Amino acid sequence: MKKIIALFMLAFLITAVWSQETPDQTMTRLMSLFKQYNITSIPEKISINDFDNLIINKIAKQSRKDFMFSVYEKDSTGNNYIIKNDLNEKDTKTIINTLHVAGYHVLTEEQKKENEKTSKEIEKIFNYKALVVGALQDHWNNMSKDQQNDFYVSFKGLIEVIAYPQGSYFYSNSKNTFKKAVIQGDKAIIASDNYNIDKDLDITISYIFKNVNNSWIVVDVEMNNHSLTDAYRLQINRVVEKKGVSGLLADLKKMYNEMKAN
C-alpha cells in the first residue's frame, strides 16, 4: 500500500512539473490575452456631428482621415454616416485602431463581458499587489487597511482602464521580438525589442517574473531600462508631499471614476 501511495505521489509531482509553464510560455499567453482585449467597437451608424467632432477632428494624420471617409458614407437623410458593407479584415483592423487613437472607446455589452473574462486571466499573471505595494513602499506601512484597499482598488482599476486598451493596441500593431527568458532561482527576466509602425516608436521592454506557487507572475516591467514601479513611486511621492495620502486617494478615485465613465 505504501509503495502504491509513493508511486502515486511521484506521478503527481512529475505531472505538476511537466504541466508548469515556463516564463516564455507565460509571456506568450499574456501577449495573447492583451491582443484579444477589445478596445472599441465599430459603430454601424454615427451622427455627422459626432463623426466630425469625436473622430475626424481628433485624428492627426490626413491619410487616416481620408481612410475613414472611404469606409463611411452619408445616409439618405444626410444626418448620419453609415459604414460600408463587405469590409475586409485589414480595413476592420484599421478602423478599430483609428477609433482607438482618436479616443473613441465604445464597447458593446458582449465586448464588456469578454473584457471582464480577459481581465481576470491577465490578473492571474500580472501581480498587482507587487506593483501597488512597490509604488507605495514609502507610505504603505503607515496607511490604514481601508486606505490600502482604496488605493489598491483605484490604482488597479486605472491600470485596467488605461493600460489594457493601450496594451491591446500596442501588441497588435507592433513588431515584438522576445528574447529567451533568463532564469535565476525564482526570478526570470524576458527582454523584448518592440517597434510600433503607426507611431514610429522603438522601445525596449523587460518583464520581471517571479515564481510563486509554481506559477510565473509579472512583478515589474522595465521600459528602456526604467522600472514602472519606480516611476509610479516617484509620481506618488510627489503627490503625497503636496496633498498627503488622503489627497492622493481622492485624486486617484476621481481619475478612476472619470476614466471608467468614459
C-alpha atoms as a PDB file:
ATOM      1  CA  MET A   1       0.000   0.000   0.000  1.00  0.00           C
ATOM      2  CA  LYS A   2       2.807   2.413   0.903  1.00  0.00           C
ATOM      3  CA  LYS A   3       4.514   1.651  -2.411  1.00  0.00           C
ATOM      4  CA  ILE A   4       1.299   2.405  -4.297  1.00  0.00           C
ATOM      5  CA  ILE A   5       0.899   5.724  -2.464  1.00  0.00           C
ATOM      6  CA  ALA A   6       4.554   6.586  -3.113  1.00  0.00           C
ATOM      7  CA  LEU A   7       4.188   5.836  -6.829  1.00  0.00           C
ATOM      8  CA  PHE A   8       1.000   7.914  -6.943  1.00  0.00           C
ATOM      9  CA  MET A   9       2.736  10.872  -5.301  1.00  0.00           C
ATOM     10  CA  LEU A  10       5.694  10.554  -7.666  1.00  0.00           C
ATOM     11  CA  ALA A  11       3.368  10.524 -10.658  1.00  0.00           C
ATOM     12  CA  PHE A  12       1.556  13.582  -9.282  1.00  0.00           C
ATOM     13  CA  LEU A  13       4.821  15.502  -8.813  1.00  0.00           C
ATOM     14  CA  ILE A  14       6.055  14.595 -12.295  1.00  0.00           C
ATOM     15  CA  THR A  15       2.743  15.717 -13.814  1.00  0.00           C
ATOM     16  CA  ALA A  16       2.925  19.006 -11.875  1.00  0.00           C
ATOM     17  CA  VAL A  17       6.435  19.703 -13.139  1.00  0.00           C
ATOM     18  CA  TRP A  18       5.558  18.836 -16.724  1.00  0.00           C
ATOM     19  CA  SER A  19       2.400  20.960 -16.654  1.00  0.00           C
ATOM     20  CA  GLN A  20       4.114  24.032 -15.191  1.00  0.00           C
ATOM     21  CA  GLU A  21       4.526  26.831 -17.705  1.00  0.00           C
ATOM     22  CA  THR A  22       7.932  28.243 -18.445  1.00  0.00           C
ATOM     23  CA  PRO A  23       8.325  32.047 -18.229  1.00  0.00           C
ATOM     24  CA  ASP A  24       8.410  32.136 -22.046  1.00  0.00           C
ATOM     25  CA  GLN A  25       5.107  30.260 -22.288  1.00  0.00           C
ATOM     26  CA  THR A  26       3.528  32.557 -19.693  1.00  0.00           C
ATOM     27  CA  MET A  27       4.777  35.569 -21.670  1.00  0.00           C
ATOM     28  CA  THR A  28       3.202  34.216 -24.862  1.00  0.00           C
ATOM     29  CA  ARG A  29      -0.098  33.672 -23.050  1.00  0.00           C
ATOM     30  CA  LEU A  30      -0.012  37.201 -21.601  1.00  0.00           C
ATOM     31  CA  MET A  31       0.536  38.750 -25.031  1.00  0.00           C
ATOM     32  CA  SER A  32      -2.323  36.692 -26.444  1.00  0.00           C
ATOM     33  CA  LEU A  33      -4.626  37.955 -23.685  1.00  0.00           C
ATOM     34  CA  PHE A  34      -3.706  41.575 -24.345  1.00  0.00           C
ATOM     35  CA  LYS A  35      -4.313  41.162 -28.081  1.00  0.00           C
ATOM     36  CA  GLN A  36      -7.806  39.748 -27.546  1.00  0.00           C
ATOM     37  CA  TYR A  37      -8.805  42.635 -25.247  1.00  0.00           C
ATOM     38  CA  ASN A  38     -11.458  44.726 -27.016  1.00  0.00           C
ATOM     39  CA  ILE A  39     -10.502  48.384 -27.306  1.00  0.00           C
ATOM     40  CA  THR A  40     -13.587  49.704 -29.107  1.00  0.00           C
ATOM     41  CA  SER A  41     -16.487  48.640 -31.291  1.00  0.00           C
ATOM     42  CA  ILE A  42     -17.127  49.760 -34.850  1.00  0.00           C
ATOM     43  CA  PRO A  43     -20.346  51.822 -34.997  1.00  0.00           C
ATOM     44  CA  GLU A  44     -22.574  50.996 -37.967  1.00  0.00           C
ATOM     45  CA  LYS A  45     -24.122  54.467 -37.800  1.00  0.00           C
ATOM     46  CA  ILE A  46     -22.915  57.680 -36.211  1.00  0.00           C
ATOM     47  CA  SER A  47     -24.223  61.238 -36.432  1.00  0.00           C
ATOM     48  CA  ILE A  48     -22.325  63.691 -38.609  1.00  0.00           C
ATOM     49  CA  ASN A  49     -21.660  65.882 -35.585  1.00  0.00           C
ATOM     50  CA  ASP A  50     -20.116  63.019 -33.579  1.00  0.00           C
ATOM     51  CA  PHE A  51     -18.244  61.701 -36.608  1.00  0.00           C
ATOM     52  CA  ASP A  52     -16.624  65.080 -37.197  1.00  0.00           C
ATOM     53  CA  ASN A  53     -16.012  66.138 -33.579  1.00  0.00           C
ATOM     54  CA  LEU A  54     -15.314  62.826 -31.829  1.00  0.00           C
ATOM     55  CA  ILE A  55     -13.371  61.106 -34.580  1.00  0.00           C
ATOM     56  CA  ILE A  56     -12.174  63.124 -37.599  1.00  0.00           C
ATOM     57  CA  ASN A  57     -11.086  66.229 -35.662  1.00  0.00           C
ATOM     58  CA  LYS A  58      -9.067  64.062 -33.279  1.00  0.00           C
ATOM     59  CA  ILE A  59      -7.098  62.272 -35.987  1.00  0.00           C
ATOM     60  CA  ALA A  60      -3.732  63.857 -36.783  1.00  0.00           C
ATOM     61  CA  LYS A  61      -2.843  62.016 -39.996  1.00  0.00           C
ATOM     62  CA  GLN A  62      -4.658  63.170 -43.116  1.00  0.00           C
ATOM     63  CA  SER A  63      -4.295  59.689 -44.600  1.00  0.00           C
ATOM     64  CA  ARG A  64      -6.291  58.269 -41.692  1.00  0.00           C
ATOM     65  CA  LYS A  65      -8.982  60.934 -42.110  1.00  0.00           C
ATOM     66  CA  ASP A  66      -9.224  60.061 -45.809  1.00  0.00           C
ATOM     67  CA  PHE A  67      -9.459  56.392 -44.901  1.00  0.00           C
ATOM     68  CA  MET A  68     -12.388  56.986 -42.528  1.00  0.00           C
ATOM     69  CA  PHE A  69     -14.235  58.923 -45.230  1.00  0.00           C
ATOM     70  CA  SER A  70     -13.616  55.994 -47.587  1.00  0.00           C
ATOM     71  CA  VAL A  71     -15.249  53.414 -45.293  1.00  0.00           C
ATOM     72  CA  TYR A  72     -18.117  55.618 -44.059  1.00  0.00           C
ATOM     73  CA  GLU A  73     -20.670  57.379 -46.234  1.00  0.00           C
ATOM     74  CA  LYS A  74     -23.618  59.671 -45.572  1.00  0.00           C
ATOM     75  CA  ASP A  75     -27.037  58.023 -45.387  1.00  0.00           C
ATOM     76  CA  SER A  76     -30.134  59.140 -47.277  1.00  0.00           C
ATOM     77  CA  THR A  77     -31.095  61.615 -44.553  1.00  0.00           C
ATOM     78  CA  GLY A  78     -27.747  63.394 -44.706  1.00  0.00           C
ATOM     79  CA  ASN A  79     -27.635  63.424 -40.901  1.00  0.00           C
ATOM     80  CA  ASN A  80     -25.551  60.332 -40.287  1.00  0.00           C
ATOM     81  CA  TYR A  81     -22.573  58.411 -41.547  1.00  0.00           C
ATOM     82  CA  ILE A  82     -23.070  54.683 -42.096  1.00  0.00           C
ATOM     83  CA  ILE A  83     -20.350  52.120 -42.568  1.00  0.00           C
ATOM     84  CA  LYS A  84     -19.964  50.443 -45.934  1.00  0.00           C
ATOM     85  CA  ASN A  85     -20.588  46.734 -46.345  1.00  0.00           C
ATOM     86  CA  ASP A  86     -18.097  43.962 -47.096  1.00  0.00           C
ATOM     87  CA  LEU A  87     -15.085  45.403 -45.294  1.00  0.00           C
ATOM     88  CA  ASN A  88     -12.036  43.166 -45.338  1.00  0.00           C
ATOM     89  CA  GLU A  89     -10.051  42.183 -42.250  1.00  0.00           C
ATOM     90  CA  LYS A  90      -7.373  44.809 -42.880  1.00  0.00           C
ATOM     91  CA  ASP A  91      -9.937  47.630 -43.137  1.00  0.00           C
ATOM     92  CA  THR A  92     -11.716  46.435 -39.994  1.00  0.00           C
ATOM     93  CA  LYS A  93      -8.461  46.437 -38.040  1.00  0.00           C
ATOM     94  CA  THR A  94      -7.547  49.905 -39.342  1.00  0.00           C
ATOM     95  CA  ILE A  95     -10.948  51.287 -38.314  1.00  0.00           C
ATOM     96  CA  ILE A  96     -10.580  49.912 -34.777  1.00  0.00           C
ATOM     97  CA  ASN A  97      -7.051  51.304 -34.453  1.00  0.00           C
ATOM     98  CA  THR A  98      -8.110  54.696 -35.800  1.00  0.00           C
ATOM     99  CA  LEU A  99     -11.047  54.922 -33.401  1.00  0.00           C
ATOM    100  CA  HIS A 100      -8.747  53.933 -30.542  1.00  0.00           C
ATOM    101  CA  VAL A 101      -6.164  56.598 -31.405  1.00  0.00           C
ATOM    102  CA  ALA A 102      -8.977  59.167 -31.648  1.00  0.00           C
ATOM    103  CA  GLY A 103     -10.121  58.145 -28.171  1.00  0.00           C
ATOM    104  CA  TYR A 104     -13.446  56.746 -29.366  1.00  0.00           C
ATOM    105  CA  HIS A 105     -13.941  53.850 -26.951  1.00  0.00           C
ATOM    106  CA  VAL A 106     -17.466  52.453 -27.132  1.00  0.00           C
ATOM    107  CA  LEU A 107     -17.955  48.785 -26.290  1.00  0.00           C
ATOM    108  CA  THR A 108     -20.946  46.513 -26.721  1.00  0.00           C
ATOM    109  CA  GLU A 109     -22.269  44.626 -23.684  1.00  0.00           C
ATOM    110  CA  GLU A 110     -20.834  41.413 -25.121  1.00  0.00           C
ATOM    111  CA  GLN A 111     -17.412  43.016 -25.537  1.00  0.00           C
ATOM    112  CA  LYS A 112     -17.537  44.289 -21.948  1.00  0.00           C
ATOM    113  CA  LYS A 113     -18.234  40.762 -20.694  1.00  0.00           C
ATOM    114  CA  GLU A 114     -15.400  39.389 -22.825  1.00  0.00           C
ATOM    115  CA  ASN A 115     -13.052  42.024 -21.392  1.00  0.00           C
ATOM    116  CA  GLU A 116     -14.053  41.106 -17.841  1.00  0.00           C
ATOM    117  CA  LYS A 117     -13.040  37.495 -18.507  1.00  0.00           C
ATOM    118  CA  THR A 118      -9.800  38.583 -20.151  1.00  0.00           C
ATOM    119  CA  SER A 119      -9.007  40.928 -17.246  1.00  0.00           C
ATOM    120  CA  LYS A 120      -9.372  38.077 -14.755  1.00  0.00           C
ATOM    121  CA  GLU A 121      -6.938  35.951 -16.774  1.00  0.00           C
ATOM    122  CA  ILE A 122      -4.424  38.807 -17.026  1.00  0.00           C
ATOM    123  CA  GLU A 123      -4.682  39.353 -13.295  1.00  0.00           C
ATOM    124  CA  LYS A 124      -3.524  35.764 -12.725  1.00  0.00           C
ATOM    125  CA  ILE A 125      -0.228  36.666 -14.442  1.00  0.00           C
ATOM    126  CA  PHE A 126       0.248  40.343 -13.608  1.00  0.00           C
ATOM    127  CA  ASN A 127       0.870  40.749  -9.873  1.00  0.00           C
ATOM    128  CA  TYR A 128      -0.894  43.989  -8.982  1.00  0.00           C
ATOM    129  CA  LYS A 129      -0.058  43.655  -5.304  1.00  0.00           C
ATOM    130  CA  ALA A 130       3.694  43.766  -6.019  1.00  0.00           C
ATOM    131  CA  LEU A 131       3.232  46.817  -8.238  1.00  0.00           C
ATOM    132  CA  VAL A 132       0.930  48.633  -5.796  1.00  0.00           C
ATOM    133  CA  VAL A 133       2.988  47.955  -2.680  1.00  0.00           C
ATOM    134  CA  GLY A 134       6.200  48.746  -4.549  1.00  0.00           C
ATOM    135  CA  ALA A 135       4.841  52.065  -5.797  1.00  0.00           C
ATOM    136  CA  LEU A 136       3.622  52.945  -2.289  1.00  0.00           C
ATOM    137  CA  GLN A 137       6.509  51.418  -0.347  1.00  0.00           C
ATOM    138  CA  ASP A 138       7.400  54.732   1.330  1.00  0.00           C
ATOM    139  CA  HIS A 139       3.882  55.098   2.758  1.00  0.00           C
ATOM    140  CA  TRP A 140       2.257  51.628   2.751  1.00  0.00           C
ATOM    141  CA  ASN A 141       3.008  50.651   6.362  1.00  0.00           C
ATOM    142  CA  ASN A 142       1.697  53.984   7.676  1.00  0.00           C
ATOM    143  CA  MET A 143      -1.629  53.656   5.891  1.00  0.00           C
ATOM    144  CA  SER A 144      -4.752  52.130   7.393  1.00  0.00           C
ATOM    145  CA  LYS A 145      -6.192  48.915   5.928  1.00  0.00           C
ATOM    146  CA  ASP A 146      -9.044  50.925   4.413  1.00  0.00           C
ATOM    147  CA  GLN A 147      -6.599  53.339   2.772  1.00  0.00           C
ATOM    148  CA  GLN A 148      -4.521  50.459   1.433  1.00  0.00           C
ATOM    149  CA  ASN A 149      -7.626  48.819  -0.003  1.00  0.00           C
ATOM    150  CA  ASP A 150      -8.911  52.099  -1.508  1.00  0.00           C
ATOM    151  CA  PHE A 151      -5.562  52.694  -3.181  1.00  0.00           C
ATOM    152  CA  TYR A 152      -5.353  49.138  -4.484  1.00  0.00           C
ATOM    153  CA  VAL A 153      -8.853  49.186  -5.988  1.00  0.00           C
ATOM    154  CA  SER A 154      -8.462  52.613  -7.653  1.00  0.00           C
ATOM    155  CA  PHE A 155      -4.883  52.058  -8.829  1.00  0.00           C
ATOM    156  CA  LYS A 156      -5.636  48.616 -10.244  1.00  0.00           C
ATOM    157  CA  GLY A 157      -8.787  49.991 -11.865  1.00  0.00           C
ATOM    158  CA  LEU A 158      -6.852  52.786 -13.555  1.00  0.00           C
ATOM    159  CA  ILE A 159      -4.326  50.317 -14.934  1.00  0.00           C
ATOM    160  CA  GLU A 160      -7.135  48.228 -16.400  1.00  0.00           C
ATOM    161  CA  VAL A 161      -8.949  51.225 -17.894  1.00  0.00           C
ATOM    162  CA  ILE A 162      -5.829  52.824 -19.383  1.00  0.00           C
ATOM    163  CA  ALA A 163      -3.154  50.161 -19.840  1.00  0.00           C
ATOM    164  CA  TYR A 164      -5.270  47.283 -21.159  1.00  0.00           C
ATOM    165  CA  PRO A 165      -6.603  49.117 -24.242  1.00  0.00           C
ATOM    166  CA  GLN A 166      -3.159  50.655 -24.824  1.00  0.00           C
ATOM    167  CA  GLY A 167      -1.546  47.238 -24.453  1.00  0.00           C
ATOM    168  CA  SER A 168      -4.026  45.663 -26.843  1.00  0.00           C
ATOM    169  CA  TYR A 169      -3.332  48.336 -29.451  1.00  0.00           C
ATOM    170  CA  PHE A 170       0.445  48.253 -28.945  1.00  0.00           C
ATOM    171  CA  TYR A 171       0.950  44.495 -29.075  1.00  0.00           C
ATOM    172  CA  SER A 172      -1.440  44.072 -32.008  1.00  0.00           C
ATOM    173  CA  ASN A 173       0.234  46.807 -34.062  1.00  0.00           C
ATOM    174  CA  SER A 174       3.907  46.375 -33.261  1.00  0.00           C
ATOM    175  CA  LYS A 175       6.691  44.063 -34.252  1.00  0.00           C
ATOM    176  CA  ASN A 176       7.569  42.433 -30.937  1.00  0.00           C
ATOM    177  CA  THR A 177      10.685  40.293 -30.626  1.00  0.00           C
ATOM    178  CA  PHE A 178      11.005  38.438 -27.324  1.00  0.00           C
ATOM    179  CA  LYS A 179      14.323  37.031 -26.154  1.00  0.00           C
ATOM    180  CA  LYS A 180      14.531  33.760 -24.258  1.00  0.00           C
ATOM    181  CA  ALA A 181      13.966  34.073 -20.520  1.00  0.00           C
ATOM    182  CA  VAL A 182      16.987  34.438 -18.270  1.00  0.00           C
ATOM    183  CA  ILE A 183      16.174  32.484 -15.110  1.00  0.00           C
ATOM    184  CA  GLN A 184      17.944  32.998 -11.790  1.00  0.00           C
ATOM    185  CA  GLY A 185      16.403  30.948  -8.992  1.00  0.00           C
ATOM    186  CA  ASP A 186      12.792  32.024  -8.506  1.00  0.00           C
ATOM    187  CA  LYS A 187      13.147  35.064 -10.769  1.00  0.00           C
ATOM    188  CA  ALA A 188      13.255  35.464 -14.531  1.00  0.00           C
ATOM    189  CA  ILE A 189      13.665  38.325 -16.993  1.00  0.00           C
ATOM    190  CA  ILE A 190      12.316  38.379 -20.530  1.00  0.00           C
ATOM    191  CA  ALA A 191      13.648  41.249 -22.646  1.00  0.00           C
ATOM    192  CA  SER A 192      11.936  42.369 -25.846  1.00  0.00           C
ATOM    193  CA  ASP A 193      12.508  44.782 -28.706  1.00  0.00           C
ATOM    194  CA  ASN A 194       9.351  46.442 -29.981  1.00  0.00           C
ATOM    195  CA  TYR A 195       8.623  48.680 -32.959  1.00  0.00           C
ATOM    196  CA  ASN A 196       5.267  50.366 -33.470  1.00  0.00           C
ATOM    197  CA  ILE A 197       4.749  51.344 -37.096  1.00  0.00           C
ATOM    198  CA  ASP A 198       1.909  53.854 -36.572  1.00  0.00           C
ATOM    199  CA  LYS A 199       3.892  55.877 -34.033  1.00  0.00           C
ATOM    200  CA  ASP A 200       7.327  55.078 -35.486  1.00  0.00           C
ATOM    201  CA  LEU A 201       8.349  54.138 -31.966  1.00  0.00           C
ATOM    202  CA  ASP A 202      11.163  51.841 -30.856  1.00  0.00           C
ATOM    203  CA  ILE A 203      11.053  50.671 -27.254  1.00  0.00           C
ATOM    204  CA  THR A 204      12.848  48.024 -25.219  1.00  0.00           C
ATOM    205  CA  ILE A 205      10.671  46.315 -22.634  1.00  0.00           C
ATOM    206  CA  SER A 206      11.827  43.835 -19.986  1.00  0.00           C
ATOM    207  CA  TYR A 207       9.330  41.790 -17.984  1.00  0.00           C
ATOM    208  CA  ILE A 208      10.392  40.807 -14.468  1.00  0.00           C
ATOM    209  CA  PHE A 209       8.868  37.489 -13.377  1.00  0.00           C
ATOM    210  CA  LYS A 210       8.804  35.703 -10.038  1.00  0.00           C
ATOM    211  CA  ASN A 211       7.895  32.079  -9.399  1.00  0.00           C
ATOM    212  CA  VAL A 212       5.098  31.901  -6.833  1.00  0.00           C
ATOM    213  CA  ASN A 213       3.457  28.553  -6.062  1.00  0.00           C
ATOM    214  CA  ASN A 214       4.859  27.065  -9.284  1.00  0.00           C
ATOM    215  CA  SER A 215       3.423  29.859 -11.420  1.00  0.00           C
ATOM    216  CA  TRP A 216       5.392  32.634 -13.113  1.00  0.00           C
ATOM    217  CA  ILE A 217       3.909  36.063 -12.432  1.00  0.00           C
ATOM    218  CA  VAL A 218       4.977  39.545 -13.559  1.00  0.00           C
ATOM    219  CA  VAL A 219       6.103  41.722 -10.634  1.00  0.00           C
ATOM    220  CA  ASP A 220       7.568  44.657 -12.574  1.00  0.00           C
ATOM    221  CA  VAL A 221       8.100  45.993 -16.091  1.00  0.00           C
ATOM    222  CA  GLU A 222      11.091  47.999 -17.297  1.00  0.00           C
ATOM    223  CA  MET A 223      10.764  50.288 -20.319  1.00  0.00           C
ATOM    224  CA  ASN A 224      14.038  51.448 -21.820  1.00  0.00           C
ATOM    225  CA  ASN A 225      15.688  50.305 -18.558  1.00  0.00           C
ATOM    226  CA  HIS A 226      13.321  52.358 -16.374  1.00  0.00           C
ATOM    227  CA  SER A 227      11.247  50.466 -13.795  1.00  0.00           C
ATOM    228  CA  LEU A 228       7.499  51.007 -13.976  1.00  0.00           C
ATOM    229  CA  THR A 229       7.247  50.546 -10.207  1.00  0.00           C
ATOM    230  CA  ASP A 230       9.942  53.163  -9.578  1.00  0.00           C
ATOM    231  CA  ALA A 231       8.229  55.600 -11.971  1.00  0.00           C
ATOM    232  CA  TYR A 232       4.906  55.197 -10.146  1.00  0.00           C
ATOM    233  CA  ARG A 233       6.688  55.533  -6.795  1.00  0.00           C
ATOM    234  CA  LEU A 234       8.251  58.846  -7.838  1.00  0.00           C
ATOM    235  CA  GLN A 235       4.936  60.270  -9.049  1.00  0.00           C
ATOM    236  CA  ILE A 236       3.093  59.106  -5.932  1.00  0.00           C
ATOM    237  CA  ASN A 237       5.688  60.616  -3.591  1.00  0.00           C
ATOM    238  CA  ARG A 238       5.328  63.978  -5.333  1.00  0.00           C
ATOM    239  CA  VAL A 239       1.557  63.948  -4.849  1.00  0.00           C
ATOM    240  CA  VAL A 240       1.794  62.806  -1.207  1.00  0.00           C
ATOM    241  CA  GLU A 241       4.327  65.551  -0.496  1.00  0.00           C
ATOM    242  CA  LYS A 242       1.855  68.172  -1.708  1.00  0.00           C
ATOM    243  CA  LYS A 243      -1.518  66.711  -0.745  1.00  0.00           C
ATOM    244  CA  GLY A 244      -0.852  63.901   1.718  1.00  0.00           C
ATOM    245  CA  VAL A 245      -2.130  60.324   1.456  1.00  0.00           C
ATOM    246  CA  SER A 246      -5.777  61.448   1.688  1.00  0.00           C
ATOM    247  CA  GLY A 247      -5.233  63.838  -1.234  1.00  0.00           C
ATOM    248  CA  LEU A 248      -3.591  61.067  -3.254  1.00  0.00           C
ATOM    249  CA  LEU A 249      -6.526  58.739  -2.655  1.00  0.00           C
ATOM    250  CA  ALA A 250      -9.039  61.455  -3.566  1.00  0.00           C
ATOM    251  CA  ASP A 251      -7.207  62.202  -6.834  1.00  0.00           C
ATOM    252  CA  LEU A 252      -6.987  58.504  -7.744  1.00  0.00           C
ATOM    253  CA  LYS A 253     -10.670  57.877  -7.059  1.00  0.00           C
ATOM    254  CA  LYS A 254     -11.694  60.904  -9.100  1.00  0.00           C
ATOM    255  CA  MET A 255      -9.447  59.942 -12.006  1.00  0.00           C
ATOM    256  CA  TYR A 256     -10.626  56.333 -11.946  1.00  0.00           C
ATOM    257  CA  ASN A 257     -14.323  57.270 -11.876  1.00  0.00           C
ATOM    258  CA  GLU A 258     -13.853  59.734 -14.749  1.00  0.00           C
ATOM    259  CA  MET A 259     -11.930  57.232 -16.875  1.00  0.00           C
ATOM    260  CA  LYS A 260     -14.417  54.461 -16.092  1.00  0.00           C
ATOM    261  CA  ALA A 261     -17.319  56.702 -17.086  1.00  0.00           C
ATOM    262  CA  ASN A 262     -15.705  57.309 -20.476  1.00  0.00           C
END
